[in-house]
Amino acid sequence: LQVTIEMRDHPLMKWMRSIYGGSICKVTRKKNINPTYSWRVCSIQALELLLALLPYLRLKRRHARLGIEFQKRLCVQGPVKITKKEFAIRERYKTRISNWNY
């Protein structure tokens, strides 16, 4: 699971990174336009972020719930052999999440 947030407020991005980890990169799209910053968290960090944001989300609530569900499936202890059935389930999650992104 990967969560990416992009905005112009670099200090806010740095503050979020200090709490949840992840990485920030500068994004320049066109000449003469102020750059934005992209902050990304993955895996457990993404799960922790989504759990913290869930009560405040309106438009992306279903995205967050699905991401939480998906990441919790992956949170198992020790080495795990992925069955064909589990692989198919994960692919369905991936497809649903990808189809919602815009």
Protein backbone atom coordinates (compact mmCIF):
# COMPACT_ATOMS: atom_id res chain seq x y z
CA LEU A 1 0.00 0.00 0.00
CA GLN A 2 1.24 3.44 -0.90
CA VAL A 3 -0.32 6.80 -0.01
CA THR A 4 0.83 9.95 -1.81
CA ILE A 5 -0.15 13.52 -1.01
CA GLU A 6 0.89 16.42 -3.23
CA MET A 7 0.68 20.11 -2.29
CA ARG A 8 2.65 23.36 -2.26
CA ASP A 9 3.02 23.58 1.54
CA HIS A 10 6.52 22.18 2.05
CA PRO A 11 6.66 22.87 5.83
CA LEU A 12 3.45 20.87 6.31
CA MET A 13 4.93 17.99 4.30
CA LYS A 14 8.06 18.02 6.46
CA TRP A 15 5.93 18.01 9.60
CA MET A 16 3.91 15.00 8.33
CA ARG A 17 7.12 13.18 7.43
CA SER A 18 8.43 13.81 10.98
CA ILE A 19 5.37 12.02 12.36
CA TYR A 20 4.70 9.24 9.83
CA GLY A 21 8.00 8.88 7.99
CA GLY A 22 8.10 8.47 4.25
CA SER A 23 9.79 10.61 1.65
CA ILE A 24 9.27 14.00 0.01
CA CYS A 25 10.22 15.03 -3.49
CA LYS A 26 9.86 18.33 -5.33
CA VAL A 27 7.59 18.21 -8.39
CA THR A 28 8.01 20.80 -11.15
CA ARG A 29 5.44 20.46 -13.89
CA LYS A 30 5.78 23.56 -16.11
CA LYS A 31 7.88 26.68 -16.37
CA ASN A 32 6.70 29.66 -14.32
CA ILE A 33 4.49 27.56 -12.06
CA ASN A 34 5.32 27.15 -8.40
CA PRO A 35 6.57 23.66 -7.59
CA THR A 36 4.57 21.26 -5.49
CA TYR A 37 5.89 18.65 -3.11
CA SER A 38 4.92 15.02 -3.14
CA TRP A 39 5.01 13.08 0.13
CA ARG A 40 4.75 9.30 0.05
CA VAL A 41 4.38 6.65 2.75
CA CYS A 42 4.16 2.91 2.19
CA SER A 43 3.13 -0.26 3.98
CA ILE A 44 2.74 0.04 7.77
CA GLN A 45 3.39 3.80 7.67
CA ALA A 46 0.56 4.19 5.15
CA LEU A 47 -1.72 2.09 7.37
CA GLU A 48 -0.95 4.26 10.41
CA LEU A 49 -1.62 7.43 8.40
CA LEU A 50 -4.94 6.16 7.05
CA LEU A 51 -6.08 5.05 10.50
CA ALA A 52 -5.27 8.52 11.88
CA LEU A 53 -7.01 10.35 9.01
CA LEU A 54 -10.08 8.13 8.71
CA PRO A 55 -12.32 10.06 11.16
CA TYR A 56 -11.69 13.29 9.20
CA LEU A 57 -12.06 12.01 5.66
CA ARG A 58 -15.19 12.58 3.62
CA LEU A 59 -14.42 12.24 -0.08
CA LYS A 60 -11.66 9.65 0.28
CA ARG A 61 -13.14 7.64 3.17
CA ARG A 62 -13.96 4.56 1.05
CA HIS A 63 -10.45 4.67 -0.44
CA ALA A 64 -8.93 4.78 3.04
CA ARG A 65 -11.10 1.92 4.34
CA LEU A 66 -10.15 -0.27 1.41
CA GLY A 67 -6.46 0.60 1.86
CA ILE A 68 -6.67 -0.24 5.57
CA GLU A 69 -8.38 -3.55 4.79
CA PHE A 70 -5.76 -4.39 2.17
CA GLN A 71 -2.75 -3.53 4.35
CA LYS A 72 -4.12 -5.47 7.32
CA ARG A 73 -4.25 -8.58 5.10
CA LEU A 74 -0.53 -8.13 4.54
CA CYS A 75 0.35 -7.66 8.22
CA VAL A 76 1.29 -11.22 9.14
CA GLN A 77 4.19 -12.47 11.22
CA GLY A 78 6.99 -14.51 9.68
CA PRO A 79 7.42 -15.84 6.17
CA VAL A 80 4.16 -16.63 4.43
CA LYS A 81 3.61 -18.53 1.23
CA ILE A 82 1.01 -16.72 -0.85
CA THR A 83 -1.58 -19.09 -2.26
CA LYS A 84 -3.19 -18.58 -5.64
CA LYS A 85 -6.41 -17.67 -3.86
CA GLU A 86 -4.66 -15.02 -1.72
CA PHE A 87 -2.86 -13.66 -4.77
CA ALA A 88 -6.20 -13.30 -6.58
CA ILE A 89 -7.72 -11.51 -3.58
CA ARG A 90 -4.79 -9.06 -3.47
CA GLU A 91 -5.10 -8.43 -7.20
CA ARG A 92 -8.79 -7.57 -6.75
CA TYR A 93 -7.88 -5.07 -4.03
CA LYS A 94 -5.23 -3.57 -6.28
CA THR A 95 -7.66 -3.22 -9.17
CA ARG A 96 -10.36 -1.62 -7.01
CA ILE A 97 -7.92 0.87 -5.48
CA SER A 98 -6.35 1.71 -8.86
CA ASN A 99 -9.74 2.28 -10.48
CA TRP A 100 -10.65 4.83 -7.81
CA ASN A 101 -7.52 6.95 -8.22
CA TYR A 102 -7.77 10.07 -10.33
